[in-house]
Amino acid sequence: MTLQQQIIKALGAKPQINAEEEIRRSVDFLKKLPANLSVH
Protein backbone atom coordinates (compact mmCIF):
# COMPACT_ATOMS: atom_id res chain seq x y z
CA MET A 1 0.00 0.00 0.00
CA THR A 2 1.43 3.37 -1.00
CA LEU A 3 1.67 6.30 1.39
CA GLN A 4 -1.07 8.04 -0.59
CA GLN A 5 -3.37 5.04 -0.20
CA GLN A 6 -2.61 4.89 3.54
CA ILE A 7 -3.50 8.58 3.94
CA ILE A 8 -6.72 8.20 1.94
CA LYS A 9 -7.72 5.22 4.08
CA ALA A 10 -6.78 6.90 7.38
CA LEU A 11 -8.72 10.08 6.59
CA GLY A 12 -11.64 8.35 4.93
CA ALA A 13 -11.03 10.56 1.89
CA LYS A 14 -12.15 9.90 -1.65
CA PRO A 15 -9.34 8.88 -4.01
CA GLN A 16 -11.00 10.87 -6.81
CA ILE A 17 -13.16 13.99 -6.74
CA ASN A 18 -16.28 14.60 -8.81
CA ALA A 19 -16.38 18.41 -9.03
CA GLU A 20 -20.06 18.61 -9.99
CA GLU A 21 -21.06 16.39 -7.06
CA GLU A 22 -18.91 18.35 -4.59
CA ILE A 23 -20.32 21.69 -5.74
CA ARG A 24 -23.88 20.34 -5.39
CA ARG A 25 -23.12 19.09 -1.85
CA SER A 26 -21.66 22.49 -0.90
CA VAL A 27 -24.63 24.42 -2.30
CA ASP A 28 -27.10 22.09 -0.56
CA PHE A 29 -25.21 22.54 2.72
CA LEU A 30 -25.27 26.33 2.40
CA LYS A 31 -29.00 26.31 1.65
CA LYS A 32 -29.63 24.47 4.93
CA LEU A 33 -27.85 27.07 7.07
CA PRO A 34 -30.14 29.28 9.15
CA ALA A 35 -31.03 32.52 7.36
CA ASN A 36 -30.03 34.58 10.40
CA LEU A 37 -26.50 33.19 10.44
CA SER A 38 -24.25 35.99 9.29
CA VAL A 39 -20.55 36.00 8.52
CA HIS A 40 -18.48 38.90 9.81
PDB file of N, CA and C in Angstrom:
ATOM      1  N   MET A   1       0.856  -1.179   0.000  1.00  0.00           N
ATOM      2  CA  MET A   1       0.000   0.000   0.000  1.00  0.00           C
ATOM      3  C   MET A   1       0.901   1.240   0.000  1.00  0.00           C
ATOM      4  N   THR A   2       0.622   2.160  -0.913  1.00  0.00           N
ATOM      5  CA  THR A   2       1.433   3.374  -1.000  1.00  0.00           C
ATOM      6  C   THR A   2       1.077   4.325   0.136  1.00  0.00           C
ATOM      7  N   LEU A   3       1.933   5.295   0.360  1.00  0.00           N
ATOM      8  CA  LEU A   3       1.672   6.301   1.385  1.00  0.00           C
ATOM      9  C   LEU A   3       0.375   7.039   1.076  1.00  0.00           C
ATOM     10  N   GLN A   4       0.162   7.353  -0.198  1.00  0.00           N
ATOM     11  CA  GLN A   4      -1.068   8.044  -0.594  1.00  0.00           C
ATOM     12  C   GLN A   4      -2.293   7.203  -0.241  1.00  0.00           C
ATOM     13  N   GLN A   5      -2.252   5.924  -0.520  1.00  0.00           N
ATOM     14  CA  GLN A   5      -3.369   5.038  -0.201  1.00  0.00           C
ATOM     15  C   GLN A   5      -3.586   4.952   1.307  1.00  0.00           C
ATOM     16  N   GLN A   6      -2.505   4.934   2.080  1.00  0.00           N
ATOM     17  CA  GLN A   6      -2.611   4.894   3.536  1.00  0.00           C
ATOM     18  C   GLN A   6      -3.288   6.156   4.064  1.00  0.00           C
ATOM     19  N   ILE A   7      -2.913   7.304   3.511  1.00  0.00           N
ATOM     20  CA  ILE A   7      -3.496   8.578   3.943  1.00  0.00           C
ATOM     21  C   ILE A   7      -4.977   8.623   3.590  1.00  0.00           C
ATOM     22  N   ILE A   8      -5.316   8.220   2.368  1.00  0.00           N
ATOM     23  CA  ILE A   8      -6.722   8.202   1.940  1.00  0.00           C
ATOM     24  C   ILE A   8      -7.535   7.315   2.874  1.00  0.00           C
ATOM     25  N   LYS A   9      -7.013   6.150   3.195  1.00  0.00           N
ATOM     26  CA  LYS A   9      -7.720   5.222   4.078  1.00  0.00           C
ATOM     27  C   LYS A   9      -7.851   5.796   5.488  1.00  0.00           C
ATOM     28  N   ALA A  10      -6.777   6.369   6.015  1.00  0.00           N
ATOM     29  CA  ALA A  10      -6.778   6.901   7.378  1.00  0.00           C
ATOM     30  C   ALA A  10      -7.752   8.067   7.532  1.00  0.00           C
ATOM     31  N   LEU A  11      -7.852   8.900   6.502  1.00  0.00           N
ATOM     32  CA  LEU A  11      -8.718  10.081   6.586  1.00  0.00           C
ATOM     33  C   LEU A  11     -10.131   9.815   6.082  1.00  0.00           C
ATOM     34  N   GLY A  12     -10.339   8.654   5.504  1.00  0.00           N
ATOM     35  CA  GLY A  12     -11.642   8.355   4.930  1.00  0.00           C
ATOM     36  C   GLY A  12     -11.940   9.244   3.732  1.00  0.00           C
ATOM     37  N   ALA A  13     -10.882   9.656   3.037  1.00  0.00           N
ATOM     38  CA  ALA A  13     -11.028  10.560   1.891  1.00  0.00           C
ATOM     39  C   ALA A  13     -11.386   9.777   0.636  1.00  0.00           C
ATOM     40  N   LYS A  14     -11.847  10.509  -0.359  1.00  0.00           N
ATOM     41  CA  LYS A  14     -12.151   9.903  -1.651  1.00  0.00           C
ATOM     42  C   LYS A  14     -10.890   9.963  -2.512  1.00  0.00           C
ATOM     43  N   PRO A  15     -10.543   8.864  -3.167  1.00  0.00           N
ATOM     44  CA  PRO A  15      -9.344   8.878  -4.007  1.00  0.00           C
ATOM     45  C   PRO A  15      -9.501   9.754  -5.246  1.00  0.00           C
ATOM     46  N   GLN A  16     -10.740   9.989  -5.669  1.00  0.00           N
ATOM     47  CA  GLN A  16     -10.998  10.866  -6.811  1.00  0.00           C
ATOM     48  C   GLN A  16     -12.160  11.784  -6.465  1.00  0.00           C
ATOM     49  N   ILE A  17     -12.150  12.975  -7.034  1.00  0.00           N
ATOM     50  CA  ILE A  17     -13.160  13.988  -6.741  1.00  0.00           C
ATOM     51  C   ILE A  17     -14.027  14.212  -7.971  1.00  0.00           C
ATOM     52  N   ASN A  18     -15.336  14.233  -7.754  1.00  0.00           N
ATOM     53  CA  ASN A  18     -16.280  14.598  -8.809  1.00  0.00           C
ATOM     54  C   ASN A  18     -16.689  16.035  -8.518  1.00  0.00           C
ATOM     55  N   ALA A  19     -16.168  16.980  -9.298  1.00  0.00           N
ATOM     56  CA  ALA A  19     -16.379  18.406  -9.028  1.00  0.00           C
ATOM     57  C   ALA A  19     -17.857  18.772  -8.995  1.00  0.00           C
ATOM     58  N   GLU A  20     -18.630  18.278  -9.941  1.00  0.00           N
ATOM     59  CA  GLU A  20     -20.060  18.607  -9.990  1.00  0.00           C
ATOM     60  C   GLU A  20     -20.769  18.141  -8.720  1.00  0.00           C
ATOM     61  N   GLU A  21     -20.457  16.940  -8.274  1.00  0.00           N
ATOM     62  CA  GLU A  21     -21.060  16.390  -7.058  1.00  0.00           C
ATOM     63  C   GLU A  21     -20.657  17.209  -5.828  1.00  0.00           C
ATOM     64  N   GLU A  22     -19.389  17.582  -5.736  1.00  0.00           N
ATOM     65  CA  GLU A  22     -18.907  18.348  -4.587  1.00  0.00           C
ATOM     66  C   GLU A  22     -19.535  19.740  -4.539  1.00  0.00           C
ATOM     67  N   ILE A  23     -19.681  20.374  -5.693  1.00  0.00           N
ATOM     68  CA  ILE A  23     -20.325  21.694  -5.735  1.00  0.00           C
ATOM     69  C   ILE A  23     -21.774  21.567  -5.293  1.00  0.00           C
ATOM     70  N   ARG A  24     -22.474  20.555  -5.763  1.00  0.00           N
ATOM     71  CA  ARG A  24     -23.877  20.341  -5.386  1.00  0.00           C
ATOM     72  C   ARG A  24     -23.985  20.136  -3.879  1.00  0.00           C
ATOM     73  N   ARG A  25     -23.087  19.327  -3.305  1.00  0.00           N
ATOM     74  CA  ARG A  25     -23.118  19.093  -1.852  1.00  0.00           C
ATOM     75  C   ARG A  25     -22.885  20.390  -1.090  1.00  0.00           C
ATOM     76  N   SER A  26     -21.956  21.209  -1.559  1.00  0.00           N
ATOM     77  CA  SER A  26     -21.660  22.486  -0.899  1.00  0.00           C
ATOM     78  C   SER A  26     -22.846  23.431  -0.967  1.00  0.00           C
ATOM     79  N   VAL A  27     -23.469  23.536  -2.132  1.00  0.00           N
ATOM     80  CA  VAL A  27     -24.630  24.417  -2.296  1.00  0.00           C
ATOM     81  C   VAL A  27     -25.779  23.936  -1.413  1.00  0.00           C
ATOM     82  N   ASP A  28     -26.032  22.637  -1.403  1.00  0.00           N
ATOM     83  CA  ASP A  28     -27.100  22.094  -0.560  1.00  0.00           C
ATOM     84  C   ASP A  28     -26.832  22.382   0.911  1.00  0.00           C
ATOM     85  N   PHE A  29     -25.581  22.245   1.333  1.00  0.00           N
ATOM     86  CA  PHE A  29     -25.209  22.537   2.717  1.00  0.00           C
ATOM     87  C   PHE A  29     -25.487  24.002   3.046  1.00  0.00           C
ATOM     88  N   LEU A  30     -25.073  24.905   2.158  1.00  0.00           N
ATOM     89  CA  LEU A  30     -25.273  26.335   2.400  1.00  0.00           C
ATOM     90  C   LEU A  30     -26.750  26.697   2.446  1.00  0.00           C
ATOM     91  N   LYS A  31     -27.561  26.040   1.653  1.00  0.00           N
ATOM     92  CA  LYS A  31     -29.002  26.308   1.646  1.00  0.00           C
ATOM     93  C   LYS A  31     -29.644  25.915   2.974  1.00  0.00           C
ATOM     94  N   LYS A  32     -29.064  24.957   3.669  1.00  0.00           N
ATOM     95  CA  LYS A  32     -29.626  24.466   4.926  1.00  0.00           C
ATOM     96  C   LYS A  32     -29.228  25.317   6.129  1.00  0.00           C
ATOM     97  N   LEU A  33     -28.267  26.221   5.956  1.00  0.00           N
ATOM     98  CA  LEU A  33     -27.849  27.071   7.068  1.00  0.00           C
ATOM     99  C   LEU A  33     -28.981  28.016   7.450  1.00  0.00           C
ATOM    100  N   PRO A  34     -29.102  28.337   8.730  1.00  0.00           N
ATOM    101  CA  PRO A  34     -30.139  29.283   9.152  1.00  0.00           C
ATOM    102  C   PRO A  34     -29.959  30.633   8.457  1.00  0.00           C
ATOM    103  N   ALA A  35     -31.072  31.246   8.080  1.00  0.00           N
ATOM    104  CA  ALA A  35     -31.034  32.523   7.363  1.00  0.00           C
ATOM    105  C   ALA A  35     -30.415  33.622   8.214  1.00  0.00           C
ATOM    106  N   ASN A  36     -30.544  33.524   9.526  1.00  0.00           N
ATOM    107  CA  ASN A  36     -30.029  34.582  10.400  1.00  0.00           C
ATOM    108  C   ASN A  36     -28.552  34.397  10.749  1.00  0.00           C
ATOM    109  N   LEU A  37     -27.922  33.398  10.203  1.00  0.00           N
ATOM    110  CA  LEU A  37     -26.496  33.185  10.437  1.00  0.00           C
ATOM    111  C   LEU A  37     -25.728  34.124   9.523  1.00  0.00           C
ATOM    112  N   SER A  38     -24.987  35.033  10.113  1.00  0.00           N
ATOM    113  CA  SER A  38     -24.246  35.987   9.289  1.00  0.00           C
ATOM    114  C   SER A  38     -22.752  35.800   9.500  1.00  0.00           C
ATOM    115  N   VAL A  39     -22.004  36.111   8.473  1.00  0.00           N
ATOM    116  CA  VAL A  39     -20.550  35.998   8.517  1.00  0.00           C
ATOM    117  C   VAL A  39     -19.976  37.396   8.640  1.00  0.00           C
ATOM    118  N   HIS A  40     -19.088  37.578   9.594  1.00  0.00           N
ATOM    119  CA  HIS A  40     -18.475  38.897   9.807  1.00  0.00           C
ATOM    120  C   HIS A  40     -17.035  38.864   9.412  1.00  0.00           C
TER     121      HIS A  40
END
